[in-house]
């Protein structure tokens, strides 16, 4: 059985003070035979050397990523560091990272990361947590597809890194304290595990009943729906997409063979009238338009928490909602983190939460098979036991 311990600190510079604070919250003498760590924090902790110092002091592998905010039982906020320790006797943990990923090498790099960890771990993992940098030249869904191919369908859960700034120049990932703004980190878990995935994008009441069929696309480029140019299709529905509103209109994509949709963002309208999406939009998938605001974000968070709490036998809960949700909650930007912390503390559920720059989670299709997918706008969680 896995056990989860969490701690947080606001100390950026003085390692002894930060470590003392962490040890007040985690009794390291209670750890099992095998452990692995996860850190969420802002860029300050990497720049000061704090993350490296903490990882050097911990006797197990740790993967890290920048996050707009984080929360655990001891608090929530935008400028603290949270450390999560997963531990047990039956599950082994192995972590690694590759750096300098670009459009020309991302498949090879991610394959080499998987192969190296597979050899180090002594066999294929049961479950993988993966953190990816936000890259301007490689779409998140492409990196997830490369990871899925490398892992031959082993469940992968995690996210792209995020930060509190609109610009993403201060995001990245790390393994054992070594930081990369263009990297991919993985934490292998080998042993008996049962992961359960919670995905709550939008409440049903905020998704239109009208569905179209994608008839022409190219990867993440949406070209035609119902054989109609995509901009013309949306105009007939009374939806006018522009640079001002394009990111505030989620598209719900129902992949063939799946009943639950993947929420994707509209990234940009192209000169030829096609639309760049946040993830793959395959021909044959059906689509519906959603709406998102502060009320729907909080409602979907409550829906996700209700589903999560139904898994009462879980011992580990990790939550990575989309960073767009936090941005759109302004002026109460900590509303979702506060709701998560208060709800789970009331029920005594150990958890950690960060914000994702794009969510990675398997979805179960109609045949019961797990499919690794890339998501936007989503309350994304995994419960492990």
Protein backbone atom coordinates (compact mmCIF):
# COMPACT_ATOMS: atom_id res chain seq x y z
CA UNK A 1 0.00 0.00 0.00
CA UNK A 2 1.20 3.52 -0.79
CA UNK A 3 1.29 6.26 1.83
CA UNK A 4 1.47 9.98 1.06
CA UNK A 5 3.12 12.70 3.13
CA UNK A 6 3.15 16.42 2.27
CA UNK A 7 4.93 19.52 3.53
CA UNK A 8 5.36 23.11 2.41
CA UNK A 9 7.71 26.00 3.03
CA UNK A 10 7.96 29.66 2.04
CA UNK A 11 11.70 29.75 2.79
CA UNK A 12 13.50 30.39 -0.50
CA UNK A 13 17.08 31.03 0.58
CA UNK A 14 18.08 29.35 3.86
CA UNK A 15 18.21 25.58 3.37
CA UNK A 16 18.49 24.70 7.07
CA UNK A 17 15.32 26.64 7.87
CA UNK A 18 13.39 25.12 4.96
CA UNK A 19 14.48 21.57 5.84
CA UNK A 20 13.63 22.09 9.51
CA UNK A 21 10.17 23.29 8.50
CA UNK A 22 9.66 20.26 6.26
CA UNK A 23 10.79 17.85 8.99
CA UNK A 24 8.21 19.36 11.33
CA UNK A 25 5.53 18.23 8.85
CA UNK A 26 6.97 14.90 7.64
CA UNK A 27 8.41 12.22 9.94
CA UNK A 28 10.97 10.64 7.61
CA UNK A 29 11.44 7.71 10.00
CA UNK A 30 8.00 6.48 8.94
CA UNK A 31 8.93 5.98 5.27
CA UNK A 32 8.65 2.53 3.76
CA UNK A 33 11.25 0.54 1.86
CA UNK A 34 10.79 2.63 -1.30
CA UNK A 35 9.95 6.31 -1.78
CA UNK A 36 9.63 8.93 -4.49
CA UNK A 37 9.11 12.68 -4.33
CA UNK A 38 7.23 15.43 -6.16
CA UNK A 39 7.86 19.18 -5.83
CA UNK A 40 5.61 22.02 -7.03
CA UNK A 41 6.93 25.58 -6.66
CA UNK A 42 7.55 28.86 -8.43
CA UNK A 43 10.77 29.66 -10.28
CA UNK A 44 12.30 31.46 -7.27
CA UNK A 45 13.07 28.15 -5.56
CA UNK A 46 15.04 26.92 -8.57
CA UNK A 47 16.93 30.19 -9.04
CA UNK A 48 17.95 30.31 -5.36
CA UNK A 49 19.22 26.72 -5.42
CA UNK A 50 16.67 25.62 -2.82
CA UNK A 51 15.18 22.82 -4.94
CA UNK A 52 18.64 21.41 -5.66
CA UNK A 53 19.60 21.55 -1.98
CA UNK A 54 16.40 19.81 -0.90
CA UNK A 55 16.74 17.09 -3.53
CA UNK A 56 20.38 16.50 -2.57
CA UNK A 57 19.30 15.99 1.05
CA UNK A 58 16.50 13.53 0.25
CA UNK A 59 17.38 9.81 -0.06
CA UNK A 60 15.07 9.15 -3.01
CA UNK A 61 14.34 10.39 -6.53
CA UNK A 62 12.31 13.60 -6.88
CA UNK A 63 10.66 15.11 -9.96
CA UNK A 64 9.68 18.77 -9.93
CA UNK A 65 7.87 21.38 -11.98
CA UNK A 66 7.04 25.06 -11.78
CA UNK A 67 3.39 25.69 -10.98
CA UNK A 68 1.24 28.82 -10.73
CA UNK A 69 0.09 27.72 -7.27
CA UNK A 70 0.08 24.65 -5.07
CA UNK A 71 -1.84 23.31 -2.10
CA UNK A 72 -1.71 20.52 0.44
CA UNK A 73 -3.23 19.97 3.88
CA UNK A 74 -0.93 22.56 5.47
CA UNK A 75 -1.83 25.48 3.20
CA UNK A 76 -2.17 26.90 -0.28
CA UNK A 77 -0.59 29.78 -2.15
CA UNK A 78 1.28 31.08 -5.15
CA UNK A 79 4.82 31.49 -3.81
CA UNK A 80 5.41 28.47 -1.52
CA UNK A 81 7.06 25.14 -2.26
CA UNK A 82 5.22 21.88 -1.64
CA UNK A 83 7.02 18.56 -1.20
CA UNK A 84 5.10 15.31 -1.59
CA UNK A 85 6.58 11.96 -0.57
CA UNK A 86 5.03 8.74 -1.85
CA UNK A 87 6.24 5.69 0.05
CA UNK A 88 5.58 1.98 0.53
CA UNK A 89 7.13 -1.47 0.61
CA UNK A 90 5.69 -2.93 -2.60
CA UNK A 91 6.01 -0.10 -5.15
CA UNK A 92 9.44 1.02 -6.40
CA UNK A 93 10.16 4.53 -7.72
CA UNK A 94 12.62 5.51 -10.46
CA UNK A 95 12.98 9.01 -11.92
CA UNK A 96 14.86 10.59 -14.80
CA UNK A 97 14.83 13.53 -17.21
CA UNK A 98 15.97 14.52 -20.68
CA UNK A 99 16.81 18.11 -21.63
CA UNK A 100 17.06 20.27 -24.76
CA UNK A 101 13.89 18.93 -26.41
CA UNK A 102 12.88 20.56 -29.70
CA UNK A 103 10.73 19.88 -32.75
CA UNK A 104 13.49 17.87 -34.38
CA UNK A 105 14.26 15.49 -31.54
CA UNK A 106 11.31 15.27 -29.14
CA UNK A 107 10.28 11.73 -30.15
CA UNK A 108 13.82 10.40 -29.92
CA UNK A 109 14.46 12.18 -26.59
CA UNK A 110 11.28 10.92 -24.95
CA UNK A 111 11.91 7.39 -26.23
CA UNK A 112 15.44 7.46 -24.82
CA UNK A 113 14.10 8.68 -21.45
CA UNK A 114 11.62 5.83 -21.29
CA UNK A 115 14.15 3.22 -22.40
CA UNK A 116 16.72 4.40 -19.86
CA UNK A 117 14.25 4.37 -16.98
CA UNK A 118 12.85 1.03 -18.07
CA UNK A 119 16.33 -0.47 -17.89
CA UNK A 120 17.09 1.24 -14.57
CA UNK A 121 13.78 0.13 -13.04
CA UNK A 122 14.25 -3.44 -14.22
CA UNK A 123 11.05 -3.65 -16.22
CA UNK A 124 8.01 -1.81 -17.50
CA UNK A 125 6.26 0.40 -14.93
CA UNK A 126 2.69 0.06 -13.76
CA UNK A 127 2.18 3.82 -13.83
CA UNK A 128 4.13 6.95 -14.85
CA UNK A 129 3.92 10.52 -13.60
CA UNK A 130 5.40 12.87 -16.20
CA UNK A 131 6.10 16.60 -16.18
CA UNK A 132 6.89 18.41 -19.45
CA UNK A 133 8.26 21.86 -20.18
CA UNK A 134 6.14 24.30 -22.18
CA UNK A 135 7.81 24.51 -25.59
CA UNK A 136 7.02 27.07 -28.28
CA UNK A 137 7.89 24.72 -31.14
CA UNK A 138 6.43 21.42 -29.87
CA UNK A 139 2.74 21.19 -28.99
CA UNK A 140 1.91 19.47 -25.73
CA UNK A 141 -0.25 16.83 -27.39
CA UNK A 142 2.68 15.82 -29.61
CA UNK A 143 4.90 15.19 -26.60
CA UNK A 144 2.12 13.19 -24.94
CA UNK A 145 1.69 11.14 -28.12
CA UNK A 146 5.45 10.50 -28.20
CA UNK A 147 5.40 9.42 -24.54
CA UNK A 148 2.40 7.16 -25.17
CA UNK A 149 4.20 5.52 -28.09
CA UNK A 150 7.42 5.09 -26.10
CA UNK A 151 5.56 3.56 -23.15
CA UNK A 152 3.45 1.33 -25.40
CA UNK A 153 0.26 2.44 -23.67
CA UNK A 154 1.43 2.30 -20.03
CA UNK A 155 -0.75 4.85 -18.16
CA UNK A 156 0.89 8.30 -18.09
CA UNK A 157 -0.46 11.06 -15.86
CA UNK A 158 0.90 14.56 -15.26
CA UNK A 159 1.11 17.94 -16.94
CA UNK A 160 3.00 20.67 -18.67
CA UNK A 161 4.65 23.14 -16.31
CA UNK A 162 2.96 26.46 -15.51
CA UNK A 163 3.67 29.72 -13.71
CA UNK A 164 1.84 32.75 -12.34
CA UNK A 165 3.01 34.95 -15.24
CA UNK A 166 1.17 35.07 -18.54
CA UNK A 167 4.52 34.62 -20.30
CA UNK A 168 5.85 31.07 -20.04
CA UNK A 169 9.55 31.91 -20.06
CA UNK A 170 9.79 31.03 -16.35
CA UNK A 171 8.47 27.48 -16.48
CA UNK A 172 10.27 24.19 -16.52
CA UNK A 173 10.79 20.79 -14.97
CA UNK A 174 13.48 19.13 -12.91
CA UNK A 175 14.69 15.76 -11.70
CA UNK A 176 16.70 15.49 -8.49
CA UNK A 177 17.17 19.25 -8.54
CA UNK A 178 18.53 19.60 -12.08
CA UNK A 179 16.31 22.12 -13.91
CA UNK A 180 15.43 22.34 -17.59
CA UNK A 181 13.23 24.82 -19.42
CA UNK A 182 13.02 22.38 -22.34
CA UNK A 183 12.86 19.01 -20.66
CA UNK A 184 10.72 15.99 -19.85
CA UNK A 185 10.78 14.28 -16.46
CA UNK A 186 9.26 10.93 -15.56
CA UNK A 187 8.67 9.08 -12.30
CA UNK A 188 8.22 5.35 -12.84
CA UNK A 189 6.18 3.34 -10.35
CA UNK A 190 6.74 -0.40 -10.51
CA UNK A 191 4.50 -2.61 -8.41
CA UNK A 192 0.86 -3.27 -7.51
CA UNK A 193 -1.09 -0.07 -8.15
CA UNK A 194 -4.65 0.80 -9.05
CA UNK A 195 -4.91 4.31 -10.56
CA UNK A 196 -8.29 5.99 -10.90
CA UNK A 197 -8.63 9.12 -13.01
CA UNK A 198 -10.93 12.07 -12.39
CA UNK A 199 -11.55 14.50 -15.25
CA UNK A 200 -14.08 17.29 -14.80
CA UNK A 201 -13.84 19.85 -17.58
CA UNK A 202 -17.19 21.62 -17.76
CA UNK A 203 -20.59 20.94 -16.18
CA UNK A 204 -23.04 19.47 -18.67
CA UNK A 205 -25.23 22.58 -18.45
CA UNK A 206 -22.44 24.63 -20.04
CA UNK A 207 -21.98 22.38 -23.09
CA UNK A 208 -24.20 22.92 -26.13
CA UNK A 209 -26.44 20.06 -27.25
CA UNK A 210 -25.45 20.62 -30.89
CA UNK A 211 -22.69 18.33 -32.11
CA UNK A 212 -20.82 18.44 -35.37
CA UNK A 213 -18.46 15.92 -36.96
CA UNK A 214 -14.88 16.84 -37.82
CA UNK A 215 -14.54 16.17 -41.55
CA UNK A 216 -11.13 17.75 -42.22
CA UNK A 217 -8.19 18.33 -39.92
CA UNK A 218 -4.43 18.07 -39.70
CA UNK A 219 -3.17 17.07 -36.28
CA UNK A 220 -4.26 19.97 -34.04
CA UNK A 221 -5.41 22.09 -36.99
CA UNK A 222 -9.20 22.14 -37.26
CA UNK A 223 -10.25 22.83 -40.87
CA UNK A 224 -13.82 21.63 -41.49
CA UNK A 225 -16.81 20.50 -39.44
CA UNK A 226 -19.75 18.85 -41.24
CA UNK A 227 -17.87 19.58 -44.51
CA UNK A 228 -18.13 23.31 -43.76
CA UNK A 229 -15.08 25.55 -43.21
CA UNK A 230 -14.68 25.73 -39.48
CA UNK A 231 -15.10 29.50 -39.09
CA UNK A 232 -18.25 29.41 -41.22
CA UNK A 233 -19.56 26.51 -39.11
CA UNK A 234 -19.13 28.44 -35.87
CA UNK A 235 -20.62 31.59 -37.41
CA UNK A 236 -23.81 29.64 -38.25
CA UNK A 237 -24.00 28.78 -34.54
CA UNK A 238 -23.70 32.45 -33.61
CA UNK A 239 -20.13 32.02 -32.33
CA UNK A 240 -17.63 34.57 -33.57
CA UNK A 241 -14.05 33.69 -32.71
CA UNK A 242 -11.47 36.46 -32.52
CA UNK A 243 -8.06 37.07 -30.97
CA UNK A 244 -9.85 38.61 -27.98
CA UNK A 245 -12.10 35.67 -27.11
CA UNK A 246 -10.45 32.65 -28.72
CA UNK A 247 -8.98 31.29 -25.45
CA UNK A 248 -12.26 31.60 -23.54
CA UNK A 249 -14.20 29.13 -25.70
CA UNK A 250 -13.54 25.44 -24.95
CA UNK A 251 -14.22 22.83 -27.62
CA UNK A 252 -15.42 19.48 -26.33
CA UNK A 253 -14.02 16.70 -28.52
CA UNK A 254 -15.66 13.28 -28.36
CA UNK A 255 -13.11 10.80 -29.74
CA UNK A 256 -14.54 7.78 -31.52
CA UNK A 257 -14.99 4.98 -29.02
CA UNK A 258 -15.18 7.36 -26.04
CA UNK A 259 -18.27 8.66 -24.30
CA UNK A 260 -16.55 11.36 -22.22
CA UNK A 261 -15.17 14.38 -24.10
CA UNK A 262 -11.70 15.91 -24.05
CA UNK A 263 -11.77 19.68 -23.48
CA UNK A 264 -9.43 21.58 -25.82
CA UNK A 265 -8.56 25.23 -26.15
CA UNK A 266 -8.78 27.29 -29.34
CA UNK A 267 -5.21 28.56 -29.65
CA UNK A 268 -5.23 30.74 -32.75
CA UNK A 269 -7.22 31.56 -35.88
CA UNK A 270 -5.07 31.12 -38.99
CA UNK A 271 -5.10 33.39 -42.05
CA UNK A 272 -6.70 30.61 -44.12
CA UNK A 273 -9.60 30.33 -41.66
CA UNK A 274 -8.52 27.11 -39.96
CA UNK A 275 -8.06 27.04 -36.18
CA UNK A 276 -5.10 25.76 -34.20
CA UNK A 277 -6.35 23.74 -31.22
CA UNK A 278 -4.65 22.75 -27.99
CA UNK A 279 -4.68 19.09 -28.91
CA UNK A 280 -5.34 16.62 -31.69
CA UNK A 281 -8.71 16.89 -33.45
CA UNK A 282 -9.07 13.69 -35.51
CA UNK A 283 -11.44 13.32 -38.44
CA UNK A 284 -14.57 11.48 -37.33
CA UNK A 285 -14.63 12.88 -33.79
CA UNK A 286 -17.74 14.79 -32.81
CA UNK A 287 -17.49 18.22 -31.20
CA UNK A 288 -19.58 20.57 -29.09
CA UNK A 289 -18.88 24.07 -27.84
CA UNK A 290 -18.61 24.84 -24.14
CA UNK A 291 -18.58 27.99 -22.06
CA UNK A 292 -16.28 28.72 -19.16
CA UNK A 293 -16.43 31.32 -16.39
CA UNK A 294 -15.74 31.47 -12.67
CA UNK A 295 -19.04 29.76 -11.80
CA UNK A 296 -18.49 26.82 -14.14
CA UNK A 297 -14.90 26.44 -12.92
CA UNK A 298 -16.01 26.15 -9.30
CA UNK A 299 -18.93 23.88 -10.24
CA UNK A 300 -16.66 21.54 -12.20
CA UNK A 301 -14.21 21.55 -9.28
CA UNK A 302 -17.03 20.45 -6.97
CA UNK A 303 -18.01 17.74 -9.48
CA UNK A 304 -14.43 16.53 -9.62
CA UNK A 305 -14.12 16.49 -5.83
CA UNK A 306 -17.36 14.53 -5.49
CA UNK A 307 -16.08 11.91 -7.92
CA UNK A 308 -12.67 11.84 -6.23
CA UNK A 309 -14.21 11.36 -2.77
CA UNK A 310 -16.17 8.36 -4.04
CA UNK A 311 -12.83 6.50 -4.21
CA UNK A 312 -12.64 6.14 -0.44
CA UNK A 313 -10.05 3.34 -0.59
CA UNK A 314 -7.43 5.57 -2.25
CA UNK A 315 -4.34 6.48 -0.25
CA UNK A 316 -2.76 9.00 -2.64
CA UNK A 317 -4.50 11.93 -4.34
CA UNK A 318 -2.73 14.25 -6.78
CA UNK A 319 -4.63 17.08 -8.48
CA UNK A 320 -3.47 19.19 -11.45
CA UNK A 321 -6.20 21.51 -12.76
CA UNK A 322 -5.57 23.64 -15.83
CA UNK A 323 -3.81 26.94 -15.13
CA UNK A 324 -6.42 28.75 -17.25
CA UNK A 325 -8.95 27.98 -14.55
CA UNK A 326 -6.85 29.82 -11.98
CA UNK A 327 -6.31 32.76 -14.31
CA UNK A 328 -10.03 33.09 -15.03
CA UNK A 329 -10.93 33.10 -11.32
CA UNK A 330 -9.43 36.59 -10.87
CA UNK A 331 -9.99 38.48 -8.58
CA UNK A 332 -10.45 35.40 -6.34
CA UNK A 333 -7.58 33.57 -8.01
CA UNK A 334 -7.10 31.13 -5.14
CA UNK A 335 -10.78 30.11 -5.11
CA UNK A 336 -10.23 26.65 -6.57
CA UNK A 337 -7.16 25.85 -4.46
CA UNK A 338 -9.01 26.98 -1.34
CA UNK A 339 -12.06 24.86 -2.20
CA UNK A 340 -9.89 21.79 -2.84
CA UNK A 341 -7.95 22.21 0.40
CA UNK A 342 -10.98 22.88 2.59
CA UNK A 343 -13.01 20.00 1.12
CA UNK A 344 -10.28 17.37 1.34
CA UNK A 345 -9.08 18.48 4.78
CA UNK A 346 -12.62 18.16 6.09
CA UNK A 347 -12.68 14.55 4.86
CA UNK A 348 -9.14 13.77 6.03
CA UNK A 349 -7.91 12.99 2.51
CA UNK A 350 -4.14 13.38 2.00
CA UNK A 351 -3.52 15.29 -1.23
CA UNK A 352 -1.34 17.66 -3.18
CA UNK A 353 -2.46 20.08 -5.87
CA UNK A 354 -0.61 22.14 -8.47
CA UNK A 355 -1.63 23.95 -11.64
CA UNK A 356 -1.00 22.47 -15.07
CA UNK A 357 -0.07 24.22 -18.30
CA UNK A 358 -1.88 21.37 -20.07
CA UNK A 359 -3.16 18.20 -18.44
CA UNK A 360 -2.08 14.62 -19.16
CA UNK A 361 -4.43 11.84 -18.15
CA UNK A 362 -5.59 8.52 -19.51
CA UNK A 363 -9.24 8.10 -20.40
CA UNK A 364 -11.06 4.78 -20.48
CA UNK A 365 -12.73 4.05 -23.83
CA UNK A 366 -15.87 2.02 -24.52
CA UNK A 367 -13.81 -1.17 -24.62
CA UNK A 368 -12.35 -0.51 -21.18
CA UNK A 369 -8.91 0.30 -22.59
CA UNK A 370 -6.83 3.15 -21.19
CA UNK A 371 -5.86 5.86 -23.71
CA UNK A 372 -3.34 8.54 -22.77
CA UNK A 373 -4.78 11.96 -23.71
CA UNK A 374 -3.85 15.64 -23.57
CA UNK A 375 -6.46 18.01 -22.09
CA UNK A 376 -7.16 21.72 -21.53
CA UNK A 377 -9.41 23.55 -19.04
CA UNK A 378 -9.78 20.39 -16.95
CA UNK A 379 -9.90 19.56 -13.24
CA UNK A 380 -7.54 16.61 -13.50
CA UNK A 381 -6.80 14.21 -10.63
CA UNK A 382 -5.49 10.72 -10.00
CA UNK A 383 -6.24 8.55 -6.98
CA UNK A 384 -3.81 5.72 -6.26
CA UNK A 385 -4.03 2.78 -3.92
